[in-house]
Amino acid sequence: MSQFNLRKKARLSYYEIEEPNIDEYIYCSDCRDYVFEYCSIHGPLLVVPDNKVPAKTNFPSFVPRAALTIPDVFLHLAPSTIPDAGLGVFTTLTLPKNVRFGPYRGNITHNAASNYCWQIYDKNNKPSHMIDASNPNKSNWMRYVNCSRHWCEQNLVAFQYRGHIYYRTIKTIPRFTELMVFYGIEFANKLKIDFRRYHKPLLPAENSQKKYIEKAKDEAVIVVENKSNENIVGPVNSKCEKAHPSVPNNKTKQVKNKVKSQRNDTKKIHKRKGIVKKAKDKNNNALKNSENLKPKLHEIKTQTDFITQALLKIFRGKTGRRVLCKNLQVIKYYFFILM
């Protein structure tokens, strides 16, 4: 027998398990935290895939392949609401929150040669390459999504997942609204979007109208009708009796409509005040009548008490008293309600 125990032992591995890359995490907007693959509480994202386009199609050659990849059940292409922006992507149905579109298709490059590029980062969070969708025949419909000019217009967020770019809805989007995503500060500057005003609140419509009317009054222009039915435009003259400052018709109509609505509101308020006064008067009259009836009811109550005592003296038997007590209790109950 040897001094050493030569039994086979299980080998121990001190190799540390590698944590998943940042590229495999997804941000959950409800939990406000990054989650591996999907959120176990709020569930995975609703994936909407692209339409599959075969190599040969019956469409004419001028129709790009990217336009055919759009999921036509949920989305469609139309002229953008942004001036001089070309086509845009609009919703045909109301889309809920946390809907995923993608991935973003295009050629792999290392230089941003166009405005259709997205930067891809590697495991160490360093830029590796770019996806360029400038060629419509080698990309998909996501190239037509325009950049938002203000945070109120933005309804999509771009994120990287496993080496690809996807778009996710950040709120419920009603039908026939344009999908917009923010491209980033660099591309926003190229598109002449002021990033300093991106997160600022919008001015209300009333303030803008007031400013426009004040400018129009300061820079008032008169229109004088000649016999030849020609309009002569010039500055305001105090000597001219027929001169009047001309403000654009649309703005004057809006001002008139506001004045009318204010008048109608004041009339409604006066009517409500009159109705309230009438109701108060009715309540006061009812209280006065009730106060006048109280002494009469008190007299009736004293009389009934006197009658009950007299009847109890007359009906000295047990049976007679029971019958009287039942009837008198009912009478007293009704008088108590009246009081």
Protein backbone atom coordinates (compact mmCIF):
# COMPACT_ATOMS: atom_id res chain seq x y z
CA MET A 1 0.00 0.00 0.00
CA SER A 2 1.33 3.37 -0.98
CA GLN A 3 1.23 6.30 1.31
CA PHE A 4 -0.46 8.50 -1.35
CA ASN A 5 -4.09 8.10 -2.42
CA LEU A 6 -4.05 7.79 -6.20
CA ARG A 7 -7.82 8.02 -6.80
CA LYS A 8 -8.92 10.10 -9.75
CA LYS A 9 -10.08 13.58 -8.73
CA ALA A 10 -12.32 15.90 -10.68
CA ARG A 11 -10.35 18.66 -12.33
CA LEU A 12 -11.11 22.18 -11.18
CA SER A 13 -11.43 24.91 -13.76
CA TYR A 14 -10.64 28.42 -12.63
CA TYR A 15 -11.67 29.92 -15.96
CA GLU A 16 -13.96 32.91 -15.42
CA ILE A 17 -17.15 32.97 -17.45
CA GLU A 18 -17.16 35.91 -19.85
CA GLU A 19 -19.91 38.40 -19.35
CA PRO A 20 -22.09 39.13 -22.39
CA ASN A 21 -21.17 42.13 -24.51
CA ILE A 22 -22.91 45.46 -24.27
CA ASP A 23 -24.11 44.73 -27.79
CA GLU A 24 -26.37 41.94 -26.46
CA TYR A 25 -28.22 44.14 -23.96
CA ILE A 26 -31.48 45.96 -24.68
CA TYR A 27 -32.71 49.04 -22.85
CA CYS A 28 -36.14 48.62 -21.20
CA SER A 29 -37.86 52.01 -21.05
CA ASP A 30 -40.33 50.84 -18.36
CA CYS A 31 -37.63 49.46 -16.03
CA ARG A 32 -35.15 52.20 -17.10
CA ASP A 33 -32.34 49.67 -17.16
CA TYR A 34 -30.41 47.50 -19.63
CA VAL A 35 -31.66 43.92 -19.89
CA PHE A 36 -30.03 40.86 -21.45
CA GLU A 37 -31.90 39.95 -24.68
CA TYR A 38 -35.37 40.85 -23.32
CA CYS A 39 -37.12 42.07 -20.17
CA SER A 40 -38.55 39.27 -18.03
CA ILE A 41 -41.14 41.64 -16.49
CA HIS A 42 -42.46 43.58 -19.50
CA GLY A 43 -41.74 40.97 -22.15
CA PRO A 44 -39.82 41.08 -25.44
CA LEU A 45 -40.18 43.69 -28.16
CA LEU A 46 -42.80 43.22 -30.87
CA VAL A 47 -40.80 42.44 -34.02
CA VAL A 48 -42.12 43.60 -37.40
CA PRO A 49 -40.02 42.04 -40.20
CA ASP A 50 -39.46 43.46 -43.68
CA ASN A 51 -41.29 42.18 -46.73
CA LYS A 52 -39.30 39.57 -48.61
CA VAL A 53 -38.48 40.73 -52.15
CA PRO A 54 -37.40 38.13 -54.73
CA ALA A 55 -34.47 38.69 -57.08
CA LYS A 56 -36.79 39.22 -60.07
CA THR A 57 -39.98 41.24 -59.68
CA ASN A 58 -42.79 42.39 -61.98
CA PHE A 59 -42.28 46.03 -61.00
CA PRO A 60 -40.58 48.46 -63.44
CA SER A 61 -36.88 49.13 -63.13
CA PHE A 62 -37.28 52.67 -61.76
CA VAL A 63 -38.99 51.33 -58.58
CA PRO A 64 -36.18 50.81 -56.02
CA ARG A 65 -35.88 47.59 -54.09
CA ALA A 66 -35.86 49.47 -50.77
CA ALA A 67 -39.42 50.69 -51.33
CA LEU A 68 -40.66 47.11 -51.83
CA THR A 69 -39.26 45.90 -48.50
CA ILE A 70 -41.61 48.07 -46.41
CA PRO A 71 -44.14 46.08 -44.33
CA ASP A 72 -47.22 47.35 -46.17
CA VAL A 73 -49.65 46.11 -43.50
CA PHE A 74 -48.33 48.62 -40.96
CA LEU A 75 -46.47 51.28 -42.99
CA HIS A 76 -46.48 53.06 -46.35
CA LEU A 77 -44.40 55.65 -48.22
CA ALA A 78 -45.64 59.19 -48.95
CA PRO A 79 -44.24 62.73 -49.36
CA SER A 80 -42.73 63.89 -46.11
CA THR A 81 -44.20 66.65 -43.96
CA ILE A 82 -40.72 68.21 -43.78
CA PRO A 83 -40.19 70.60 -46.72
CA ASP A 84 -37.63 69.45 -49.33
CA ALA A 85 -37.14 66.10 -47.56
CA GLY A 86 -38.49 63.84 -50.32
CA LEU A 87 -40.31 60.70 -49.25
CA GLY A 88 -41.19 59.71 -45.71
CA VAL A 89 -42.55 56.66 -43.89
CA PHE A 90 -46.11 56.89 -42.51
CA THR A 91 -48.20 54.50 -40.40
CA THR A 92 -51.32 52.87 -41.84
CA LEU A 93 -52.35 51.51 -38.41
CA THR A 94 -51.83 52.74 -34.86
CA LEU A 95 -48.58 51.31 -33.55
CA PRO A 96 -48.11 50.58 -29.83
CA LYS A 97 -45.02 51.22 -27.77
CA ASN A 98 -41.96 48.91 -28.00
CA VAL A 99 -42.31 47.81 -31.63
CA ARG A 100 -39.02 46.87 -33.31
CA PHE A 101 -38.19 47.47 -36.98
CA GLY A 102 -35.07 46.36 -38.77
CA PRO A 103 -32.28 45.64 -39.16
CA TYR A 104 -30.98 48.62 -41.13
CA ARG A 105 -29.63 47.33 -44.46
CA GLY A 106 -26.88 48.78 -46.63
CA ASN A 107 -23.26 48.56 -47.76
CA ILE A 108 -20.46 48.26 -45.20
CA THR A 109 -18.02 51.21 -45.37
CA HIS A 110 -15.50 52.97 -43.14
CA ASN A 111 -16.19 56.54 -44.23
CA ALA A 112 -19.43 58.51 -43.95
CA ALA A 113 -19.86 59.34 -47.63
CA SER A 114 -23.60 60.14 -47.40
CA ASN A 115 -26.36 61.07 -44.94
CA TYR A 116 -27.64 57.46 -44.87
CA CYS A 117 -24.85 56.06 -42.63
CA TRP A 118 -25.06 54.51 -39.16
CA GLN A 119 -21.97 53.83 -37.02
CA ILE A 120 -21.43 50.30 -35.65
CA TYR A 121 -19.33 49.72 -32.50
CA ASP A 122 -17.36 46.60 -31.52
CA LYS A 123 -17.08 44.72 -28.18
CA ASN A 124 -14.76 47.35 -26.70
CA ASN A 125 -17.21 50.13 -27.61
CA LYS A 126 -14.95 51.43 -30.37
CA PRO A 127 -16.14 52.32 -33.91
CA SER A 128 -15.60 49.40 -36.26
CA HIS A 129 -17.51 50.21 -39.50
CA MET A 130 -20.55 51.98 -40.97
CA ILE A 131 -23.69 50.83 -42.79
CA ASP A 132 -24.39 53.05 -45.80
CA ALA A 133 -27.90 52.89 -47.31
CA SER A 134 -27.34 55.47 -50.05
CA ASN A 135 -27.96 52.84 -52.75
CA PRO A 136 -31.75 52.17 -52.78
CA ASN A 137 -31.31 48.82 -54.55
CA LYS A 138 -29.03 47.44 -51.79
CA SER A 139 -30.89 48.70 -48.74
CA ASN A 140 -34.34 48.55 -47.18
CA TRP A 141 -37.20 50.95 -46.39
CA MET A 142 -35.55 52.29 -43.21
CA ARG A 143 -33.48 54.67 -45.34
CA TYR A 144 -36.66 56.73 -45.94
CA VAL A 145 -37.19 57.52 -42.23
CA ASN A 146 -36.38 61.22 -41.81
CA CYS A 147 -34.66 63.02 -38.94
CA SER A 148 -36.84 64.75 -36.35
CA ARG A 149 -36.41 68.51 -35.96
CA HIS A 150 -37.75 68.63 -32.38
CA TRP A 151 -38.26 66.12 -29.57
CA CYS A 152 -42.04 66.41 -30.04
CA GLU A 153 -41.73 64.97 -33.56
CA GLN A 154 -39.51 62.04 -32.54
CA ASN A 155 -41.35 58.72 -32.14
CA LEU A 156 -38.51 56.24 -32.87
CA VAL A 157 -35.17 55.48 -31.25
CA ALA A 158 -32.21 53.81 -33.02
CA PHE A 159 -30.22 51.21 -31.05
CA GLN A 160 -27.51 48.65 -31.79
CA TYR A 161 -28.11 44.96 -31.09
CA ARG A 162 -25.71 42.18 -32.11
CA GLY A 163 -23.94 44.26 -34.73
CA HIS A 164 -27.08 45.67 -36.39
CA ILE A 165 -29.12 48.86 -36.12
CA TYR A 166 -32.82 48.65 -35.22
CA TYR A 167 -35.58 51.20 -34.72
CA ARG A 168 -37.94 51.02 -31.73
CA THR A 169 -41.15 52.97 -31.07
CA ILE A 170 -41.00 55.01 -27.87
CA LYS A 171 -44.73 55.84 -27.69
CA THR A 172 -48.05 54.94 -29.27
CA ILE A 173 -48.13 56.33 -32.80
CA PRO A 174 -51.55 57.09 -34.31
CA ARG A 175 -52.33 56.22 -37.91
CA PHE A 176 -51.20 58.41 -40.80
CA THR A 177 -48.35 59.98 -38.80
CA GLU A 178 -44.79 60.15 -40.06
CA LEU A 179 -42.09 58.06 -38.40
CA MET A 180 -39.12 60.17 -37.32
CA VAL A 181 -35.84 59.28 -35.60
CA PHE A 182 -33.00 61.49 -34.40
CA TYR A 183 -29.82 60.87 -36.42
CA GLY A 184 -27.40 62.38 -33.92
CA ILE A 185 -25.68 65.72 -33.46
CA GLU A 186 -23.25 65.38 -36.39
CA PHE A 187 -25.86 64.55 -39.01
CA ALA A 188 -28.32 67.03 -37.46
CA ASN A 189 -25.80 69.82 -38.04
CA LYS A 190 -25.44 68.72 -41.66
CA LEU A 191 -29.22 68.92 -42.04
CA LYS A 192 -29.17 72.42 -40.46
CA ILE A 193 -31.08 71.33 -37.32
CA ASP A 194 -30.26 73.45 -34.27
CA PHE A 195 -29.57 70.97 -31.48
CA ARG A 196 -29.71 73.71 -28.82
CA ARG A 197 -33.42 74.16 -29.51
CA TYR A 198 -34.15 70.45 -29.88
CA HIS A 199 -35.13 69.85 -26.23
CA LYS A 200 -36.68 73.26 -25.58
CA PRO A 201 -40.49 73.54 -25.23
CA LEU A 202 -42.43 74.83 -28.20
CA LEU A 203 -44.09 78.23 -28.06
CA PRO A 204 -47.91 78.10 -27.92
CA ALA A 205 -49.87 79.19 -30.98
CA GLU A 206 -51.53 82.08 -29.16
CA ASN A 207 -48.24 83.81 -28.33
CA SER A 208 -47.03 83.49 -31.91
CA GLN A 209 -50.27 84.99 -33.25
CA LYS A 210 -50.06 87.92 -30.82
CA LYS A 211 -46.49 88.69 -31.90
CA TYR A 212 -47.49 88.55 -35.57
CA ILE A 213 -50.41 90.95 -35.03
CA GLU A 214 -48.23 93.42 -33.12
CA LYS A 215 -45.68 93.44 -35.95
CA ALA A 216 -48.45 93.95 -38.50
CA LYS A 217 -49.76 96.94 -36.55
CA ASP A 218 -46.30 98.50 -36.31
CA GLU A 219 -45.61 97.98 -40.00
CA ALA A 220 -49.14 98.75 -41.14
CA VAL A 221 -49.83 99.12 -44.83
CA ILE A 222 -52.83 100.90 -46.32
CA VAL A 223 -54.80 100.02 -49.40
CA VAL A 224 -56.52 102.86 -51.23
CA GLU A 225 -58.99 102.03 -53.98
CA ASN A 226 -58.73 104.11 -57.14
CA LYS A 227 -61.37 104.58 -59.77
CA SER A 228 -59.48 102.19 -62.02
CA ASN A 229 -59.95 99.41 -59.39
CA GLU A 230 -56.18 99.21 -58.84
CA ASN A 231 -54.84 98.82 -55.29
CA ILE A 232 -52.04 101.20 -54.30
CA VAL A 233 -49.95 100.08 -51.34
CA GLY A 234 -48.10 102.59 -49.17
CA PRO A 235 -47.29 103.61 -45.60
CA VAL A 236 -49.95 104.96 -43.20
CA ASN A 237 -50.75 108.67 -43.59
CA SER A 238 -52.55 110.62 -40.88
CA LYS A 239 -54.11 113.00 -43.47
CA CYS A 240 -55.74 110.20 -45.43
CA GLU A 241 -59.22 109.63 -43.93
CA LYS A 242 -59.99 106.40 -45.80
CA ALA A 243 -56.68 104.81 -44.90
CA HIS A 244 -56.84 101.73 -42.65
CA PRO A 245 -54.12 99.27 -41.58
CA SER A 246 -54.40 96.05 -43.53
CA VAL A 247 -53.58 92.81 -41.72
CA PRO A 248 -53.62 89.44 -43.55
CA ASN A 249 -57.15 88.02 -43.86
CA ASN A 250 -56.37 84.69 -42.20
CA LYS A 251 -55.01 86.37 -39.07
CA THR A 252 -57.89 88.85 -38.83
CA LYS A 253 -60.40 86.01 -39.10
CA GLN A 254 -58.63 84.14 -36.32
CA VAL A 255 -58.72 87.23 -34.09
CA LYS A 256 -62.44 87.80 -34.81
CA ASN A 257 -63.24 84.19 -34.05
CA LYS A 258 -61.36 84.46 -30.73
CA VAL A 259 -63.34 87.59 -29.78
CA LYS A 260 -66.62 85.87 -30.63
CA SER A 261 -65.70 82.81 -28.59
CA GLN A 262 -64.82 85.03 -25.60
CA ARG A 263 -68.17 86.81 -25.85
CA ASN A 264 -70.03 83.52 -26.01
CA ASP A 265 -68.12 82.31 -22.95
CA THR A 266 -69.08 85.44 -20.97
CA LYS A 267 -72.75 84.97 -21.94
CA LYS A 268 -72.66 81.37 -20.74
CA ILE A 269 -71.10 82.48 -17.43
CA HIS A 270 -73.86 85.08 -16.89
CA LYS A 271 -76.55 82.48 -17.62
CA ARG A 272 -74.99 80.08 -15.10
CA LYS A 273 -74.90 82.83 -12.46
CA GLY A 274 -78.63 83.56 -13.03
CA ILE A 275 -79.51 79.87 -12.67
CA VAL A 276 -77.53 79.66 -9.41
CA LYS A 277 -79.33 82.74 -8.02
CA LYS A 278 -82.76 81.25 -8.82
CA ALA A 279 -81.83 78.00 -7.09
CA LYS A 280 -80.67 79.89 -3.99
CA ASP A 281 -83.94 81.88 -3.86
CA LYS A 282 -85.96 78.65 -4.04
CA ASN A 283 -83.99 77.15 -1.17
CA ASN A 284 -84.49 80.26 0.97
CA ASN A 285 -88.26 80.21 0.33
CA ALA A 286 -88.47 76.54 1.27
CA LEU A 287 -86.61 77.20 4.55
CA LYS A 288 -88.97 80.06 5.43
CA ASN A 289 -92.03 77.89 4.81
CA SER A 290 -90.60 75.10 6.98
CA GLU A 291 -89.98 77.57 9.85
CA ASN A 292 -93.62 78.78 9.64
CA LEU A 293 -94.93 75.20 9.86
CA LYS A 294 -92.92 74.24 12.97
CA PRO A 295 -95.20 75.95 15.60
CA LYS A 296 -98.30 74.40 14.02
CA LEU A 297 -96.77 70.92 14.14
CA HIS A 298 -95.76 71.50 17.80
CA GLU A 299 -99.38 72.33 18.72
CA ILE A 300 -100.63 69.18 16.96
CA LYS A 301 -98.09 67.08 18.83
CA THR A 302 -99.19 68.44 22.24
CA GLN A 303 -102.81 67.76 21.38
CA THR A 304 -102.05 64.14 20.42
CA ASP A 305 -100.17 63.59 23.68
CA PHE A 306 -103.14 64.90 25.67
CA ILE A 307 -105.56 62.63 23.73
CA THR A 308 -103.36 59.54 24.29
CA GLN A 309 -103.27 60.12 28.06
CA ALA A 310 -107.05 60.49 28.16
CA LEU A 311 -107.62 57.32 26.13
CA LEU A 312 -105.26 55.30 28.30
CA LYS A 313 -107.28 56.28 31.37
CA ILE A 314 -110.47 55.11 29.63
CA PHE A 315 -109.06 51.81 28.28
CA ARG A 316 -107.65 50.35 31.46
CA GLY A 317 -107.62 46.72 30.18
CA LYS A 318 -104.49 45.07 28.81
CA THR A 319 -105.97 44.26 25.37
CA GLY A 320 -107.32 47.74 24.89
CA ARG A 321 -104.01 49.31 25.83
CA ARG A 322 -102.07 47.14 23.34
CA VAL A 323 -104.33 48.11 20.45
CA LEU A 324 -104.13 51.78 21.36
CA CYS A 325 -100.35 51.73 21.75
CA LYS A 326 -99.85 50.22 18.28
CA ASN A 327 -102.05 52.81 16.58
CA LEU A 328 -100.53 55.68 18.54
CA GLN A 329 -96.97 54.60 17.70
CA VAL A 330 -97.81 54.79 14.00
CA ILE A 331 -99.30 58.26 14.41
CA LYS A 332 -96.28 59.52 16.35
CA TYR A 333 -93.92 58.10 13.69
CA TYR A 334 -95.60 60.11 10.94
CA PHE A 335 -95.51 63.30 13.04
CA PHE A 336 -91.82 62.73 13.74
CA ILE A 337 -91.13 62.59 9.94
CA LEU A 338 -93.02 65.86 9.44
CA MET A 339 -90.98 67.56 12.13
